[in-house]
Amino acid sequence: MIAIDFQDYFQLTQLYANYAKAVDSGDWDLWPEFFTEECSYKLVPRENHERGFPLATLMFESKGMLKDRAYGIRETLFHDPYYQRHVVGAPIIHKADGQRFESEANYAVFRTKLSQESTVFNTGRYIDVVVRTPDGLKFESRHCIYDSEMIPNSIIYPI
């Protein structure tokens, strides 16, 4: 078991909670601000992750790429609108040195299309590297490992 002080753990749980709130809000300009300039965001099926296969459903390798995706969601992608709601478990810390944390947390994303019932959209776990910056804790990498190889239609919004 890794021991970190309460303040660091509180800040880490706030990062996870604020991230979920931001991606659920639909204000896509907020999403890239949770990451460092040089970062990695990947959405990977569990089977590929467990076998060490590099293929990812989505992969962005810098904050600039995340900003480009946010612009695309807002301005160029056409799709049936929907709301999403994240439920994120408490993070588990695997390594910590005060400046860098390796952690993971389970997640479930629910999707609600207009005039339809809510459904489970995606479940899995985040595998993260979080670093301390002058602006607070930020994700250096966030790998979303989703459980099912089947994804409904497409993934537009960040997980």
C-alpha atoms as a PDB file:
ATOM      1  CA  MET A   1       0.000   0.000   0.000  1.00  0.00           C
ATOM      2  CA  ILE A   2       1.350   3.412  -0.997  1.00  0.00           C
ATOM      3  CA  ALA A   3       1.174   6.126   1.633  1.00  0.00           C
ATOM      4  CA  ILE A   4       0.547   9.723   0.588  1.00  0.00           C
ATOM      5  CA  ASP A   5      -0.583  12.598   2.742  1.00  0.00           C
ATOM      6  CA  PHE A   6      -4.224  13.605   2.984  1.00  0.00           C
ATOM      7  CA  GLN A   7      -3.765  16.873   1.079  1.00  0.00           C
ATOM      8  CA  ASP A   8      -2.239  15.106  -1.942  1.00  0.00           C
ATOM      9  CA  TYR A   9      -4.960  12.452  -1.945  1.00  0.00           C
ATOM     10  CA  PHE A  10      -7.650  15.109  -1.634  1.00  0.00           C
ATOM     11  CA  GLN A  11      -6.174  17.054  -4.567  1.00  0.00           C
ATOM     12  CA  LEU A  12      -6.019  13.862  -6.641  1.00  0.00           C
ATOM     13  CA  THR A  13      -9.658  12.986  -5.918  1.00  0.00           C
ATOM     14  CA  GLN A  14     -10.656  16.571  -6.761  1.00  0.00           C
ATOM     15  CA  LEU A  15      -8.816  16.268 -10.089  1.00  0.00           C
ATOM     16  CA  TYR A  16     -10.802  13.126 -10.909  1.00  0.00           C
ATOM     17  CA  ALA A  17     -14.107  14.688  -9.824  1.00  0.00           C
ATOM     18  CA  ASN A  18     -13.486  17.969 -11.634  1.00  0.00           C
ATOM     19  CA  TYR A  19     -12.485  16.119 -14.806  1.00  0.00           C
ATOM     20  CA  ALA A  20     -15.774  14.177 -14.756  1.00  0.00           C
ATOM     21  CA  LYS A  21     -17.741  17.361 -14.161  1.00  0.00           C
ATOM     22  CA  ALA A  22     -15.971  19.120 -17.037  1.00  0.00           C
ATOM     23  CA  VAL A  23     -16.526  16.381 -19.631  1.00  0.00           C
ATOM     24  CA  ASP A  24     -20.148  16.008 -18.519  1.00  0.00           C
ATOM     25  CA  SER A  25     -20.764  19.763 -18.808  1.00  0.00           C
ATOM     26  CA  GLY A  26     -20.350  19.925 -22.575  1.00  0.00           C
ATOM     27  CA  ASP A  27     -17.906  22.840 -22.300  1.00  0.00           C
ATOM     28  CA  TRP A  28     -15.221  21.153 -24.378  1.00  0.00           C
ATOM     29  CA  ASP A  29     -12.667  23.937 -23.903  1.00  0.00           C
ATOM     30  CA  LEU A  30     -12.320  22.802 -20.268  1.00  0.00           C
ATOM     31  CA  TRP A  31     -11.174  19.280 -21.164  1.00  0.00           C
ATOM     32  CA  PRO A  32      -7.624  19.996 -22.459  1.00  0.00           C
ATOM     33  CA  GLU A  33      -6.856  22.130 -19.402  1.00  0.00           C
ATOM     34  CA  PHE A  34      -6.680  19.010 -17.234  1.00  0.00           C
ATOM     35  CA  PHE A  35      -3.528  17.918 -19.115  1.00  0.00           C
ATOM     36  CA  THR A  36       0.100  18.984 -19.376  1.00  0.00           C
ATOM     37  CA  GLU A  37       1.360  20.398 -22.694  1.00  0.00           C
ATOM     38  CA  GLU A  38       3.126  17.139 -23.556  1.00  0.00           C
ATOM     39  CA  CYS A  39       0.568  14.514 -22.655  1.00  0.00           C
ATOM     40  CA  SER A  40      -0.988  11.264 -23.767  1.00  0.00           C
ATOM     41  CA  TYR A  41      -4.709  10.467 -23.932  1.00  0.00           C
ATOM     42  CA  LYS A  42      -5.723   7.062 -25.234  1.00  0.00           C
ATOM     43  CA  LEU A  43      -8.960   5.139 -25.439  1.00  0.00           C
ATOM     44  CA  VAL A  44      -8.034   1.462 -25.674  1.00  0.00           C
ATOM     45  CA  PRO A  45     -10.059  -1.764 -25.611  1.00  0.00           C
ATOM     46  CA  ARG A  46      -9.175  -3.959 -22.647  1.00  0.00           C
ATOM     47  CA  GLU A  47      -8.051  -6.853 -24.869  1.00  0.00           C
ATOM     48  CA  ASN A  48      -5.530  -4.666 -26.714  1.00  0.00           C
ATOM     49  CA  HIS A  49      -4.206  -3.262 -23.437  1.00  0.00           C
ATOM     50  CA  GLU A  50      -3.814  -6.689 -21.820  1.00  0.00           C
ATOM     51  CA  ARG A  51      -2.054  -8.131 -24.892  1.00  0.00           C
ATOM     52  CA  GLY A  52       0.211  -5.114 -25.263  1.00  0.00           C
ATOM     53  CA  PHE A  53      -1.205  -4.189 -28.676  1.00  0.00           C
ATOM     54  CA  PRO A  54      -0.660  -0.510 -29.551  1.00  0.00           C
ATOM     55  CA  LEU A  55      -3.959  -0.029 -31.412  1.00  0.00           C
ATOM     56  CA  ALA A  56      -6.179   2.586 -29.740  1.00  0.00           C
ATOM     57  CA  THR A  57      -9.686   3.739 -30.650  1.00  0.00           C
ATOM     58  CA  LEU A  58      -8.617   7.339 -29.958  1.00  0.00           C
ATOM     59  CA  MET A  59      -5.074   8.576 -29.351  1.00  0.00           C
ATOM     60  CA  PHE A  60      -3.844  12.110 -28.748  1.00  0.00           C
ATOM     61  CA  GLU A  61      -0.211  12.905 -27.950  1.00  0.00           C
ATOM     62  CA  SER A  62      -0.282  16.578 -26.915  1.00  0.00           C
ATOM     63  CA  LYS A  63      -2.516  19.215 -25.396  1.00  0.00           C
ATOM     64  CA  GLY A  64      -2.704  20.779 -28.859  1.00  0.00           C
ATOM     65  CA  MET A  65      -4.249  17.577 -30.220  1.00  0.00           C
ATOM     66  CA  LEU A  66      -6.791  17.631 -27.382  1.00  0.00           C
ATOM     67  CA  LYS A  67      -7.675  21.224 -28.239  1.00  0.00           C
ATOM     68  CA  ASP A  68      -8.115  20.198 -31.873  1.00  0.00           C
ATOM     69  CA  ARG A  69     -10.490  17.419 -30.829  1.00  0.00           C
ATOM     70  CA  ALA A  70     -12.455  19.869 -28.649  1.00  0.00           C
ATOM     71  CA  TYR A  71     -12.755  22.206 -31.630  1.00  0.00           C
ATOM     72  CA  GLY A  72     -13.912  19.311 -33.790  1.00  0.00           C
ATOM     73  CA  ILE A  73     -16.589  18.305 -31.291  1.00  0.00           C
ATOM     74  CA  ARG A  74     -17.836  21.870 -31.044  1.00  0.00           C
ATOM     75  CA  GLU A  75     -17.577  22.993 -34.664  1.00  0.00           C
ATOM     76  CA  THR A  76     -17.271  20.186 -37.203  1.00  0.00           C
ATOM     77  CA  LEU A  77     -18.661  16.861 -35.981  1.00  0.00           C
ATOM     78  CA  PHE A  78     -22.298  16.172 -36.752  1.00  0.00           C
ATOM     79  CA  HIS A  79     -24.085  13.576 -34.625  1.00  0.00           C
ATOM     80  CA  ASP A  80     -27.264  13.018 -32.659  1.00  0.00           C
ATOM     81  CA  PRO A  81     -26.854  15.097 -29.500  1.00  0.00           C
ATOM     82  CA  TYR A  82     -26.608  13.298 -26.183  1.00  0.00           C
ATOM     83  CA  TYR A  83     -25.682  13.918 -22.582  1.00  0.00           C
ATOM     84  CA  GLN A  84     -23.190  11.855 -20.695  1.00  0.00           C
ATOM     85  CA  ARG A  85     -22.649  11.318 -16.992  1.00  0.00           C
ATOM     86  CA  HIS A  86     -19.488   9.873 -15.469  1.00  0.00           C
ATOM     87  CA  VAL A  87     -19.402   7.891 -12.234  1.00  0.00           C
ATOM     88  CA  VAL A  88     -15.781   7.514 -11.136  1.00  0.00           C
ATOM     89  CA  GLY A  89     -14.463   5.368  -8.316  1.00  0.00           C
ATOM     90  CA  ALA A  90     -11.919   6.519  -5.781  1.00  0.00           C
ATOM     91  CA  PRO A  91      -8.405   6.536  -7.225  1.00  0.00           C
ATOM     92  CA  ILE A  92      -5.953   3.854  -6.179  1.00  0.00           C
ATOM     93  CA  ILE A  93      -2.355   5.067  -5.928  1.00  0.00           C
ATOM     94  CA  HIS A  94       0.281   2.665  -7.274  1.00  0.00           C
ATOM     95  CA  LYS A  95       3.341   4.960  -7.050  1.00  0.00           C
ATOM     96  CA  ALA A  96       3.921   8.405  -5.594  1.00  0.00           C
ATOM     97  CA  ASP A  97       6.942  10.596  -5.039  1.00  0.00           C
ATOM     98  CA  GLY A  98       5.294  13.909  -4.160  1.00  0.00           C
ATOM     99  CA  GLN A  99       5.629  15.307  -7.699  1.00  0.00           C
ATOM    100  CA  ARG A 100       4.253  12.383  -9.719  1.00  0.00           C
ATOM    101  CA  PHE A 101       1.463   9.923  -9.022  1.00  0.00           C
ATOM    102  CA  GLU A 102       0.626   6.733 -10.872  1.00  0.00           C
ATOM    103  CA  SER A 103      -2.997   5.903 -10.186  1.00  0.00           C
ATOM    104  CA  GLU A 104      -6.081   4.215 -11.536  1.00  0.00           C
ATOM    105  CA  ALA A 105      -9.824   4.382 -11.006  1.00  0.00           C
ATOM    106  CA  ASN A 106     -12.841   2.548 -12.361  1.00  0.00           C
ATOM    107  CA  TYR A 107     -15.403   4.496 -14.349  1.00  0.00           C
ATOM    108  CA  ALA A 108     -18.855   4.113 -15.861  1.00  0.00           C
ATOM    109  CA  VAL A 109     -20.269   6.513 -18.430  1.00  0.00           C
ATOM    110  CA  PHE A 110     -24.010   6.756 -18.935  1.00  0.00           C
ATOM    111  CA  ARG A 111     -25.469   8.280 -22.088  1.00  0.00           C
ATOM    112  CA  THR A 112     -28.842   9.927 -22.487  1.00  0.00           C
ATOM    113  CA  LYS A 113     -30.116  10.780 -25.937  1.00  0.00           C
ATOM    114  CA  LEU A 114     -32.912  13.306 -26.194  1.00  0.00           C
ATOM    115  CA  SER A 115     -36.310  11.697 -25.522  1.00  0.00           C
ATOM    116  CA  GLN A 116     -34.742   8.326 -24.648  1.00  0.00           C
ATOM    117  CA  GLU A 117     -33.830   6.497 -21.479  1.00  0.00           C
ATOM    118  CA  SER A 118     -30.309   6.568 -20.100  1.00  0.00           C
ATOM    119  CA  THR A 119     -28.082   3.622 -20.976  1.00  0.00           C
ATOM    120  CA  VAL A 120     -24.659   2.405 -19.939  1.00  0.00           C
ATOM    121  CA  PHE A 121     -22.387   3.733 -22.667  1.00  0.00           C
ATOM    122  CA  ASN A 122     -18.869   2.732 -21.611  1.00  0.00           C
ATOM    123  CA  THR A 123     -17.212   1.145 -18.584  1.00  0.00           C
ATOM    124  CA  GLY A 124     -13.602   0.534 -17.716  1.00  0.00           C
ATOM    125  CA  ARG A 125     -10.728   2.020 -15.802  1.00  0.00           C
ATOM    126  CA  TYR A 126      -8.464   5.004 -16.090  1.00  0.00           C
ATOM    127  CA  ILE A 127      -4.737   4.357 -15.839  1.00  0.00           C
ATOM    128  CA  ASP A 128      -3.156   7.720 -15.122  1.00  0.00           C
ATOM    129  CA  VAL A 129       0.088   9.531 -14.535  1.00  0.00           C
ATOM    130  CA  VAL A 130      -0.590  12.770 -12.694  1.00  0.00           C
ATOM    131  CA  VAL A 131       2.079  15.404 -12.116  1.00  0.00           C
ATOM    132  CA  ARG A 132       2.309  18.466  -9.910  1.00  0.00           C
ATOM    133  CA  THR A 133       2.491  21.715 -11.889  1.00  0.00           C
ATOM    134  CA  PRO A 134       2.420  25.409 -10.903  1.00  0.00           C
ATOM    135  CA  ASP A 135      -1.288  25.259 -11.834  1.00  0.00           C
ATOM    136  CA  GLY A 136      -2.007  22.233  -9.627  1.00  0.00           C
ATOM    137  CA  LEU A 137      -2.228  18.548 -10.485  1.00  0.00           C
ATOM    138  CA  LYS A 138      -2.523  17.688 -14.190  1.00  0.00           C
ATOM    139  CA  PHE A 139      -2.709  14.491 -16.207  1.00  0.00           C
ATOM    140  CA  GLU A 140       0.531  13.680 -17.989  1.00  0.00           C
ATOM    141  CA  SER A 141      -1.178  10.602 -19.360  1.00  0.00           C
ATOM    142  CA  ARG A 142      -4.702   9.244 -19.176  1.00  0.00           C
ATOM    143  CA  HIS A 143      -5.348   5.857 -20.697  1.00  0.00           C
ATOM    144  CA  CYS A 144      -9.011   4.881 -20.693  1.00  0.00           C
ATOM    145  CA  ILE A 145      -9.133   1.098 -20.851  1.00  0.00           C
ATOM    146  CA  TYR A 146     -12.692   0.145 -21.733  1.00  0.00           C
ATOM    147  CA  ASP A 147     -14.081  -3.303 -20.951  1.00  0.00           C
ATOM    148  CA  SER A 148     -16.158  -4.188 -23.997  1.00  0.00           C
ATOM    149  CA  GLU A 149     -14.770  -4.525 -27.488  1.00  0.00           C
ATOM    150  CA  MET A 150     -18.147  -3.318 -28.710  1.00  0.00           C
ATOM    151  CA  ILE A 151     -18.809   0.403 -28.644  1.00  0.00           C
ATOM    152  CA  PRO A 152     -22.197   1.770 -29.644  1.00  0.00           C
ATOM    153  CA  ASN A 153     -21.937   3.564 -32.984  1.00  0.00           C
ATOM    154  CA  SER A 154     -19.068   5.950 -32.193  1.00  0.00           C
ATOM    155  CA  ILE A 155     -17.330   7.797 -29.402  1.00  0.00           C
ATOM    156  CA  ILE A 156     -17.572  11.533 -29.898  1.00  0.00           C
ATOM    157  CA  TYR A 157     -17.007  12.977 -26.429  1.00  0.00           C
ATOM    158  CA  PRO A 158     -14.032  12.302 -24.141  1.00  0.00           C
ATOM    159  CA  ILE A 159     -14.366   9.408 -21.729  1.00  0.00           C
END
